[in-house]
């Protein structure tokens, strides 16, 4: 063979498992990664050991490929190995193992519980965090003793948080006991009790709310009552509103709307100036979560009078909330008649439907003057002009015939055409008024 001829190596085909295994340790990281992916084509019982071993590969791409295989294949024997990797000295491997365990979920709870026996407090904390994310009730009886038996405070805090995420009713009494015995963990305990959302917890939280004067404790209690989603919390939250300060009032508003969202109860029944000021203040601060919650309430209760109060401050409301108000107006004629100020909104998603709705539900004698001024304003957008012309025609506003005549000379053809049609129609109508036209 001529030594000058380059030998081209054909890429491996990976047709059999035996042809894959040697490449799992190849120096070429790209070949190792391809070999790992090829494991997914074979029987899971035969490949799970190889896939798990590659989770510790020095190359990130290979590790991620191995993670995909482990997550995708039914590998019941992978639990113990993944739990052991939580103690790896390399944070990337620890985090990868945790990610896979959380994706597998309930199937590895037993392996995670067995791993709690380790002397490594960091691994115990990691395991508790994962159990909380999985949310399995199977873990509760093993977690409760850690509240008092584990010597590491970080593990205890994670246990409190995990029990709250699992929302285990049987954890309530131990958590309340921990609140009394470990003052430094009271805030975490309050949060967990709120998430568990049981009557015993409600009594505990509301009792604390009534007697504490600690501002931080009050904030934590308000948040917990909101997280509970229990409508029984509404009177307690409403009762503390306006008593302490603006910051607490904002949190009370958030909590009330959280309860409304989770319970389906209408919390937009208090339209007092102070309450609506707090709501608007949070909306202006671009509180997206509250905006979503308020929008949800508007959708559920389109007749609630508080919507009209919000509309008075339309310039401060985000577009997505104004869209909810407009949608509610289709079910609330009185509200639809109050949308006229929105016709000047810069976003056509608001201005055009506001014009159409207010045009249909505002008395003609009230609407004709403002609509005529709007039609004659040179700054009015052509699309808005078209919508306004159609409203004038539909509502038979004969006094605007002169305005239509002027618009017949507009630079936009569509406006001219619609104005011409409206003019012909309006002038053909019998004039039931005094014959006066707006020009």
Protein backbone atom coordinates (compact mmCIF):
# COMPACT_ATOMS: atom_id res chain seq x y z
CA UNK A 1 0.00 0.00 0.00
CA UNK A 2 1.31 3.38 -0.89
CA UNK A 3 2.27 5.13 2.42
CA UNK A 4 1.28 8.44 0.88
CA UNK A 5 -2.35 7.32 0.57
CA UNK A 6 -4.39 8.52 3.53
CA UNK A 7 -6.32 5.80 5.33
CA UNK A 8 -9.87 6.89 6.02
CA UNK A 9 -11.29 5.31 9.16
CA UNK A 10 -14.93 4.40 8.89
CA UNK A 11 -17.08 5.52 11.85
CA UNK A 12 -18.36 2.71 14.08
CA UNK A 13 -21.85 1.46 13.31
CA UNK A 14 -22.73 0.38 16.88
CA UNK A 15 -24.91 -2.46 15.60
CA UNK A 16 -24.33 -4.65 18.66
CA UNK A 17 -23.80 -3.90 22.34
CA UNK A 18 -20.37 -5.53 22.16
CA UNK A 19 -19.41 -3.05 19.45
CA UNK A 20 -20.52 -0.13 21.64
CA UNK A 21 -18.82 -0.98 24.93
CA UNK A 22 -15.17 -0.38 23.84
CA UNK A 23 -16.02 3.14 22.66
CA UNK A 24 -17.47 4.11 26.05
CA UNK A 25 -13.86 4.55 27.22
CA UNK A 26 -12.48 5.97 23.97
CA UNK A 27 -10.15 8.97 24.15
CA UNK A 28 -12.33 10.78 21.61
CA UNK A 29 -15.09 12.50 23.59
CA UNK A 30 -17.36 12.68 20.55
CA UNK A 31 -17.12 8.92 20.05
CA UNK A 32 -17.77 8.34 23.75
CA UNK A 33 -20.87 10.51 23.58
CA UNK A 34 -22.17 8.71 20.47
CA UNK A 35 -21.52 5.36 22.13
CA UNK A 36 -23.50 6.43 25.18
CA UNK A 37 -26.45 7.42 23.01
CA UNK A 38 -26.19 4.06 21.23
CA UNK A 39 -26.83 2.32 24.57
CA UNK A 40 -30.44 3.41 24.24
CA UNK A 41 -30.91 0.91 21.40
CA UNK A 42 -30.33 -2.15 23.58
CA UNK A 43 -31.96 -4.00 26.47
CA UNK A 44 -32.05 -1.76 29.54
CA UNK A 45 -30.95 -4.49 31.95
CA UNK A 46 -27.76 -4.98 29.96
CA UNK A 47 -26.85 -1.32 29.55
CA UNK A 48 -27.83 0.35 32.82
CA UNK A 49 -24.46 -0.25 34.46
CA UNK A 50 -22.60 1.26 31.51
CA UNK A 51 -24.91 4.28 31.37
CA UNK A 52 -24.59 4.94 35.10
CA UNK A 53 -20.81 4.70 34.93
CA UNK A 54 -20.67 7.41 32.26
CA UNK A 55 -22.44 9.84 34.62
CA UNK A 56 -18.98 10.33 36.11
CA UNK A 57 -17.30 10.94 32.76
CA UNK A 58 -14.92 13.94 32.81
CA UNK A 59 -16.67 15.41 29.75
CA UNK A 60 -19.90 17.31 30.29
CA UNK A 61 -21.40 16.29 26.95
CA UNK A 62 -20.87 12.62 27.72
CA UNK A 63 -22.37 13.03 31.20
CA UNK A 64 -25.46 14.72 29.78
CA UNK A 65 -25.85 11.97 27.17
CA UNK A 66 -25.65 9.37 29.95
CA UNK A 67 -28.26 11.30 31.94
CA UNK A 68 -30.66 11.18 28.98
CA UNK A 69 -30.25 7.40 28.73
CA UNK A 70 -30.72 6.86 32.47
CA UNK A 71 -33.86 9.04 32.49
CA UNK A 72 -35.34 7.39 29.40
CA UNK A 73 -34.78 3.72 30.10
CA UNK A 74 -36.62 1.81 32.85
CA UNK A 75 -33.65 1.20 35.12
CA UNK A 76 -34.93 0.09 38.54
CA UNK A 77 -31.42 -0.73 39.70
CA UNK A 78 -30.16 2.81 39.08
CA UNK A 79 -31.48 4.30 42.34
CA UNK A 80 -28.68 3.27 44.73
CA UNK A 81 -25.97 4.39 42.30
CA UNK A 82 -27.63 7.75 41.71
CA UNK A 83 -28.03 8.31 45.45
CA UNK A 84 -24.36 7.49 45.99
CA UNK A 85 -23.42 10.11 43.39
CA UNK A 86 -24.98 12.78 45.62
CA UNK A 87 -21.78 12.46 47.63
CA UNK A 88 -19.50 13.02 44.64
CA UNK A 89 -16.71 15.58 45.19
CA UNK A 90 -17.72 17.17 41.87
CA UNK A 91 -20.70 19.52 42.05
CA UNK A 92 -21.61 18.91 38.39
CA UNK A 93 -22.04 15.19 39.07
CA UNK A 94 -23.98 15.81 42.29
CA UNK A 95 -26.38 18.15 40.54
CA UNK A 96 -26.80 15.80 37.58
CA UNK A 97 -27.63 12.89 39.88
CA UNK A 98 -30.16 15.04 41.76
CA UNK A 99 -31.78 16.13 38.49
CA UNK A 100 -32.19 12.51 37.35
CA UNK A 101 -33.55 11.38 40.72
CA UNK A 102 -36.17 14.13 40.66
CA UNK A 103 -37.20 13.18 37.12
CA UNK A 104 -37.53 9.49 38.02
CA UNK A 105 -39.55 10.59 41.05
CA UNK A 106 -41.56 8.18 43.14
CA UNK A 107 -39.67 5.15 41.85
CA UNK A 108 -36.52 6.09 43.77
CA UNK A 109 -38.09 7.26 47.05
CA UNK A 110 -37.11 4.02 48.77
CA UNK A 111 -33.48 4.42 47.70
CA UNK A 112 -33.46 8.03 48.87
CA UNK A 113 -34.86 7.06 52.28
CA UNK A 114 -32.16 4.42 52.62
CA UNK A 115 -29.58 7.09 51.82
CA UNK A 116 -30.69 9.18 54.83
CA UNK A 117 -28.63 6.85 57.03
CA UNK A 118 -25.39 8.41 55.77
CA UNK A 119 -23.16 10.36 58.16
CA UNK A 120 -22.62 13.02 55.49
CA UNK A 121 -24.94 15.88 56.45
CA UNK A 122 -24.62 17.49 53.02
CA UNK A 123 -25.90 14.32 51.36
CA UNK A 124 -28.73 14.05 53.90
CA UNK A 125 -29.77 17.63 53.12
CA UNK A 126 -29.59 16.91 49.40
CA UNK A 127 -31.77 13.82 49.83
CA UNK A 128 -34.35 15.70 51.91
CA UNK A 129 -34.51 18.48 49.30
CA UNK A 130 -35.10 15.90 46.55
CA UNK A 131 -37.79 14.12 48.57
CA UNK A 132 -39.56 17.45 49.05
CA UNK A 133 -39.43 18.16 45.32
CA UNK A 134 -40.79 14.70 44.50
CA UNK A 135 -43.59 15.24 47.02
CA UNK A 136 -44.13 11.62 48.01
CA UNK A 137 -46.22 10.87 51.11
CA UNK A 138 -44.12 7.74 51.47
CA UNK A 139 -41.31 9.92 52.82
CA UNK A 140 -43.28 11.67 55.58
CA UNK A 141 -42.84 9.12 58.37
CA UNK A 142 -39.09 9.07 57.76
CA UNK A 143 -38.80 12.86 57.60
CA UNK A 144 -40.72 13.79 60.76
CA UNK A 145 -38.13 12.29 63.18
CA UNK A 146 -35.40 14.36 61.50
CA UNK A 147 -37.04 17.52 62.86
CA UNK A 148 -35.75 16.64 66.32
CA UNK A 149 -33.12 13.93 65.79
CA UNK A 150 -30.84 15.37 63.12
CA UNK A 151 -27.92 17.33 64.54
CA UNK A 152 -27.42 19.50 61.48
CA UNK A 153 -29.57 22.64 61.35
CA UNK A 154 -29.47 22.77 57.55
CA UNK A 155 -30.94 19.28 57.38
CA UNK A 156 -33.68 20.28 59.82
CA UNK A 157 -34.58 23.39 57.82
CA UNK A 158 -34.71 21.33 54.61
CA UNK A 159 -36.94 18.82 56.40
CA UNK A 160 -39.35 21.57 57.43
CA UNK A 161 -39.49 22.84 53.86
CA UNK A 162 -39.92 19.32 52.44
CA UNK A 163 -42.84 18.54 54.75
CA UNK A 164 -44.47 21.79 53.64
CA UNK A 165 -44.02 20.91 49.96
CA UNK A 166 -45.46 17.44 50.53
CA UNK A 167 -48.34 19.08 52.46
CA UNK A 168 -48.54 16.21 54.92
CA UNK A 169 -51.29 16.76 57.55
CA UNK A 170 -49.58 14.40 60.00
CA UNK A 171 -46.59 16.75 60.07
CA UNK A 172 -48.60 19.66 61.50
CA UNK A 173 -48.33 18.86 65.20
CA UNK A 174 -44.57 18.10 65.01
CA UNK A 175 -44.02 21.35 63.11
CA UNK A 176 -45.97 23.37 65.67
CA UNK A 177 -43.92 21.73 68.40
CA UNK A 178 -40.73 22.66 66.52
CA UNK A 179 -41.97 26.25 66.32
CA UNK A 180 -42.02 26.38 70.13
CA UNK A 181 -38.73 24.54 70.63
CA UNK A 182 -36.59 26.12 67.87
CA UNK A 183 -37.25 29.89 67.67
CA UNK A 184 -34.55 30.26 65.02
CA UNK A 185 -36.65 28.13 62.64
CA UNK A 186 -39.99 29.81 63.21
CA UNK A 187 -40.22 31.50 59.82
CA UNK A 188 -39.59 28.26 57.92
CA UNK A 189 -42.11 26.49 60.15
CA UNK A 190 -44.79 29.12 59.53
CA UNK A 191 -44.32 28.77 55.78
CA UNK A 192 -44.60 24.98 55.93
CA UNK A 193 -47.75 25.10 58.06
CA UNK A 194 -49.31 27.44 55.50
CA UNK A 195 -48.61 25.06 52.63
CA UNK A 196 -50.13 22.12 54.52
CA UNK A 197 -53.41 24.06 54.64
CA UNK A 198 -55.33 22.22 57.34
CA UNK A 199 -57.78 23.59 59.96
CA UNK A 200 -55.30 22.94 62.79
CA UNK A 201 -52.72 24.99 60.92
CA UNK A 202 -55.21 27.78 60.24
CA UNK A 203 -55.99 28.09 63.94
CA UNK A 204 -52.27 28.17 64.74
CA UNK A 205 -51.47 30.83 62.13
CA UNK A 206 -54.44 33.07 62.91
CA UNK A 207 -53.76 32.89 66.63
CA UNK A 208 -50.19 34.03 66.02
CA UNK A 209 -51.41 36.77 63.69
CA UNK A 210 -53.61 38.14 66.44
CA UNK A 211 -50.93 38.35 69.10
CA UNK A 212 -47.57 39.05 67.45
CA UNK A 213 -46.26 42.58 66.91
CA UNK A 214 -43.06 41.53 65.16
CA UNK A 215 -43.23 43.08 61.64
CA UNK A 216 -41.24 40.24 60.05
CA UNK A 217 -43.38 37.63 61.77
CA UNK A 218 -46.51 39.40 60.52
CA UNK A 219 -45.21 39.30 56.95
CA UNK A 220 -44.45 35.59 57.25
CA UNK A 221 -47.89 34.85 58.68
CA UNK A 222 -49.67 36.82 55.98
CA UNK A 223 -47.73 34.97 53.27
CA UNK A 224 -48.50 31.62 54.91
CA UNK A 225 -52.22 32.36 55.11
CA UNK A 226 -52.16 33.32 51.45
CA UNK A 227 -50.34 30.11 50.52
CA UNK A 228 -52.92 28.07 52.40
CA UNK A 229 -55.63 29.00 49.91
CA UNK A 230 -58.18 28.58 52.69
CA UNK A 231 -61.13 31.00 52.48
CA UNK A 232 -61.30 30.89 56.29
CA UNK A 233 -58.15 33.04 56.19
CA UNK A 234 -59.94 35.92 54.43
CA UNK A 235 -61.47 37.55 57.55
CA UNK A 236 -58.13 37.41 59.39
CA UNK A 237 -56.27 38.92 56.44
CA UNK A 238 -58.89 41.60 55.87
CA UNK A 239 -58.84 42.39 59.58
CA UNK A 240 -55.14 43.22 59.62
CA UNK A 241 -55.26 45.33 56.45
CA UNK A 242 -54.54 49.00 57.17
CA UNK A 243 -53.42 48.39 60.75
CA UNK A 244 -49.64 48.20 60.48
CA UNK A 245 -48.14 49.79 57.39
CA UNK A 246 -47.99 49.99 53.63
CA UNK A 247 -45.59 47.07 53.16
CA UNK A 248 -47.79 44.70 55.13
CA UNK A 249 -50.87 45.96 53.25
CA UNK A 250 -49.22 45.02 49.95
CA UNK A 251 -48.56 41.51 51.24
CA UNK A 252 -52.13 41.24 52.52
CA UNK A 253 -53.42 42.14 49.05
CA UNK A 254 -51.20 39.47 47.50
CA UNK A 255 -52.32 36.92 50.08
CA UNK A 256 -56.01 37.68 49.57
CA UNK A 257 -55.75 37.23 45.83
CA UNK A 258 -53.78 33.99 46.34
CA UNK A 259 -56.60 32.66 48.50
CA UNK A 260 -59.10 33.77 45.88
CA UNK A 261 -57.18 31.94 43.16
CA UNK A 262 -56.84 28.68 45.08
CA UNK A 263 -60.32 28.61 46.58
CA UNK A 264 -62.35 30.22 43.81
CA UNK A 265 -63.74 32.83 46.23
CA UNK A 266 -64.34 36.40 45.03
CA UNK A 267 -61.91 38.64 46.91
CA UNK A 268 -62.66 41.75 44.81
CA UNK A 269 -65.52 42.84 47.01
CA UNK A 270 -63.74 45.51 49.05
CA UNK A 271 -63.61 48.58 46.83
CA UNK A 272 -62.50 51.03 49.50
CA UNK A 273 -60.06 53.71 48.39
CA UNK A 274 -57.35 52.40 50.73
CA UNK A 275 -57.67 48.82 49.51
CA UNK A 276 -57.79 49.74 45.82
CA UNK A 277 -54.81 52.06 46.32
CA UNK A 278 -52.81 49.10 47.64
CA UNK A 279 -53.89 46.92 44.72
CA UNK A 280 -53.01 49.61 42.17
CA UNK A 281 -49.70 50.34 43.86
CA UNK A 282 -48.62 46.72 43.43
CA UNK A 283 -49.87 46.58 39.85
CA UNK A 284 -47.90 49.72 39.00
CA UNK A 285 -44.79 48.13 40.47
CA UNK A 286 -45.08 45.45 37.76
CA UNK A 287 -45.97 42.68 40.19
CA UNK A 288 -46.62 40.05 37.52
CA UNK A 289 -47.94 37.44 39.93
CA UNK A 290 -50.55 39.82 41.32
CA UNK A 291 -51.45 40.96 37.82
CA UNK A 292 -52.19 37.34 36.88
CA UNK A 293 -54.23 36.82 40.05
CA UNK A 294 -56.28 39.99 39.52
CA UNK A 295 -56.88 38.99 35.91
CA UNK A 296 -58.10 35.59 37.09
CA UNK A 297 -60.57 37.24 39.47
CA UNK A 298 -61.86 39.52 36.70
CA UNK A 299 -62.44 36.48 34.46
CA UNK A 300 -64.29 34.62 37.20
CA UNK A 301 -66.34 37.56 38.44
CA UNK A 302 -66.94 40.00 35.55
CA UNK A 303 -69.77 41.67 37.46
CA UNK A 304 -67.69 42.67 40.49
CA UNK A 305 -67.82 46.45 41.10
CA UNK A 306 -64.09 46.69 41.84
CA UNK A 307 -63.36 46.41 38.12
CA UNK A 308 -64.87 49.85 37.58
CA UNK A 309 -62.55 51.22 40.27
CA UNK A 310 -59.56 49.73 38.47
CA UNK A 311 -60.75 51.29 35.22
CA UNK A 312 -60.52 54.76 36.74
CA UNK A 313 -56.75 54.22 36.81
CA UNK A 314 -56.46 52.60 33.39
CA UNK A 315 -53.30 54.56 32.58
CA UNK A 316 -51.49 52.66 35.35
CA UNK A 317 -52.70 49.18 34.39
CA UNK A 318 -50.73 46.71 32.24
CA UNK A 319 -52.18 45.85 28.83
CA UNK A 320 -52.86 42.22 29.76
CA UNK A 321 -55.09 43.35 32.63
CA UNK A 322 -56.94 45.85 30.46
CA UNK A 323 -57.59 43.00 28.02
CA UNK A 324 -59.20 41.04 30.88
CA UNK A 325 -61.36 44.05 31.75
CA UNK A 326 -62.48 44.40 28.14
CA UNK A 327 -63.30 40.68 28.02
CA UNK A 328 -65.34 41.08 31.21
CA UNK A 329 -67.20 43.98 29.61
CA UNK A 330 -68.82 41.59 27.15
CA UNK A 331 -70.67 40.16 30.17
CA UNK A 332 -71.17 43.45 32.00
CA UNK A 333 -73.06 46.12 30.04
CA UNK A 334 -72.58 48.72 32.76
CA UNK A 335 -68.82 48.21 32.65
CA UNK A 336 -68.81 48.33 28.85
CA UNK A 337 -70.36 51.77 29.02
CA UNK A 338 -67.37 53.01 31.03
CA UNK A 339 -64.69 52.06 28.49
CA UNK A 340 -64.76 55.34 26.54
CA UNK A 341 -61.54 56.71 28.11
CA UNK A 342 -59.68 53.68 26.73
CA UNK A 343 -60.27 54.68 23.11
CA UNK A 344 -57.19 56.90 23.43
CA UNK A 345 -55.00 54.02 24.59
CA UNK A 346 -51.88 53.64 22.39
CA UNK A 347 -52.35 49.87 22.00
CA UNK A 348 -55.01 48.92 19.44
CA UNK A 349 -55.70 45.69 21.34
CA UNK A 350 -57.26 48.01 23.90
CA UNK A 351 -58.46 51.06 21.98
CA UNK A 352 -60.44 49.35 19.21
CA UNK A 353 -62.48 46.90 21.35
CA UNK A 354 -62.97 49.67 23.92
CA UNK A 355 -64.41 51.89 21.18
CA UNK A 356 -66.66 49.13 19.88
CA UNK A 357 -67.94 48.15 23.33
CA UNK A 358 -68.43 51.67 24.66
CA UNK A 359 -70.03 52.58 21.34
CA UNK A 360 -72.61 49.85 21.78
CA UNK A 361 -73.42 50.47 25.43
CA UNK A 362 -73.09 54.23 25.98
CA UNK A 363 -76.28 56.29 25.50
CA UNK A 364 -76.24 58.05 22.11
CA UNK A 365 -76.77 61.48 23.64
CA UNK A 366 -73.69 60.95 25.81
CA UNK A 367 -71.57 59.35 23.10
CA UNK A 368 -72.14 61.66 20.11
CA UNK A 369 -70.12 64.63 21.36
CA UNK A 370 -66.93 62.76 22.36
CA UNK A 371 -67.15 60.51 19.31
CA UNK A 372 -67.49 63.51 16.98
CA UNK A 373 -64.40 65.14 18.50
CA UNK A 374 -62.54 61.85 18.18
CA UNK A 375 -63.49 61.55 14.50
CA UNK A 376 -62.35 65.11 13.73
CA UNK A 377 -59.03 64.79 15.57
CA UNK A 378 -56.23 64.71 12.94
CA UNK A 379 -54.16 62.49 15.24
CA UNK A 380 -56.74 59.69 15.27
CA UNK A 381 -55.37 56.49 13.74
CA UNK A 382 -57.09 55.38 10.47
CA UNK A 383 -58.01 51.99 11.96
CA UNK A 384 -59.64 53.75 14.89
CA UNK A 385 -61.43 56.12 12.51
CA UNK A 386 -62.85 53.14 10.63
CA UNK A 387 -64.09 51.57 13.86
CA UNK A 388 -65.60 54.88 15.04
CA UNK A 389 -67.40 55.43 11.71
CA UNK A 390 -68.98 52.00 11.96
CA UNK A 391 -70.11 52.71 15.53
CA UNK A 392 -71.69 56.01 14.44
CA UNK A 393 -73.56 54.27 11.66
CA UNK A 394 -74.71 51.37 13.79
CA UNK A 395 -76.00 53.70 16.50
CA UNK A 396 -77.72 55.91 13.85
CA UNK A 397 -75.95 59.09 15.01
CA UNK A 398 -77.54 61.41 12.46
CA UNK A 399 -75.93 64.46 14.06
CA UNK A 400 -72.55 63.14 12.86
CA UNK A 401 -73.49 63.17 9.15
CA UNK A 402 -71.54 66.40 8.65
CA UNK A 403 -68.47 64.84 10.22
CA UNK A 404 -68.79 61.91 7.81
CA UNK A 405 -68.94 64.33 4.89
CA UNK A 406 -65.61 65.83 5.93
CA UNK A 407 -64.03 62.39 6.34
CA UNK A 408 -64.96 61.54 2.76
CA UNK A 409 -61.83 63.53 1.82
CA UNK A 410 -59.53 61.58 4.15
CA UNK A 411 -56.16 60.45 2.79
CA UNK A 412 -56.93 56.78 3.51
CA UNK A 413 -59.20 55.11 0.97
CA UNK A 414 -60.88 52.79 3.50
CA UNK A 415 -61.76 55.74 5.73
CA UNK A 416 -63.16 57.67 2.73
CA UNK A 417 -65.24 54.70 1.63
CA UNK A 418 -66.69 53.99 5.08
CA UNK A 419 -67.37 57.70 5.68
CA UNK A 420 -69.20 57.92 2.35
CA UNK A 421 -71.39 54.93 3.20
CA UNK A 422 -72.08 56.30 6.69
CA UNK A 423 -72.94 59.74 5.27
CA UNK A 424 -75.39 58.30 2.76
CA UNK A 425 -76.99 56.14 5.44
CA UNK A 426 -77.25 58.83 8.13
CA UNK A 427 -78.65 61.48 5.80
CA UNK A 428 -81.28 59.03 4.60
CA UNK A 429 -82.61 58.50 8.11
CA UNK A 430 -85.52 60.47 9.37
CA UNK A 431 -84.17 63.10 11.71
CA UNK A 432 -85.92 62.57 15.03
CA UNK A 433 -83.86 65.28 16.63
CA UNK A 434 -83.69 68.98 15.81
CA UNK A 435 -81.78 68.46 12.59
CA UNK A 436 -78.56 69.87 14.02
CA UNK A 437 -75.39 68.22 12.75
CA UNK A 438 -71.92 68.26 14.22
CA UNK A 439 -69.46 69.64 11.70
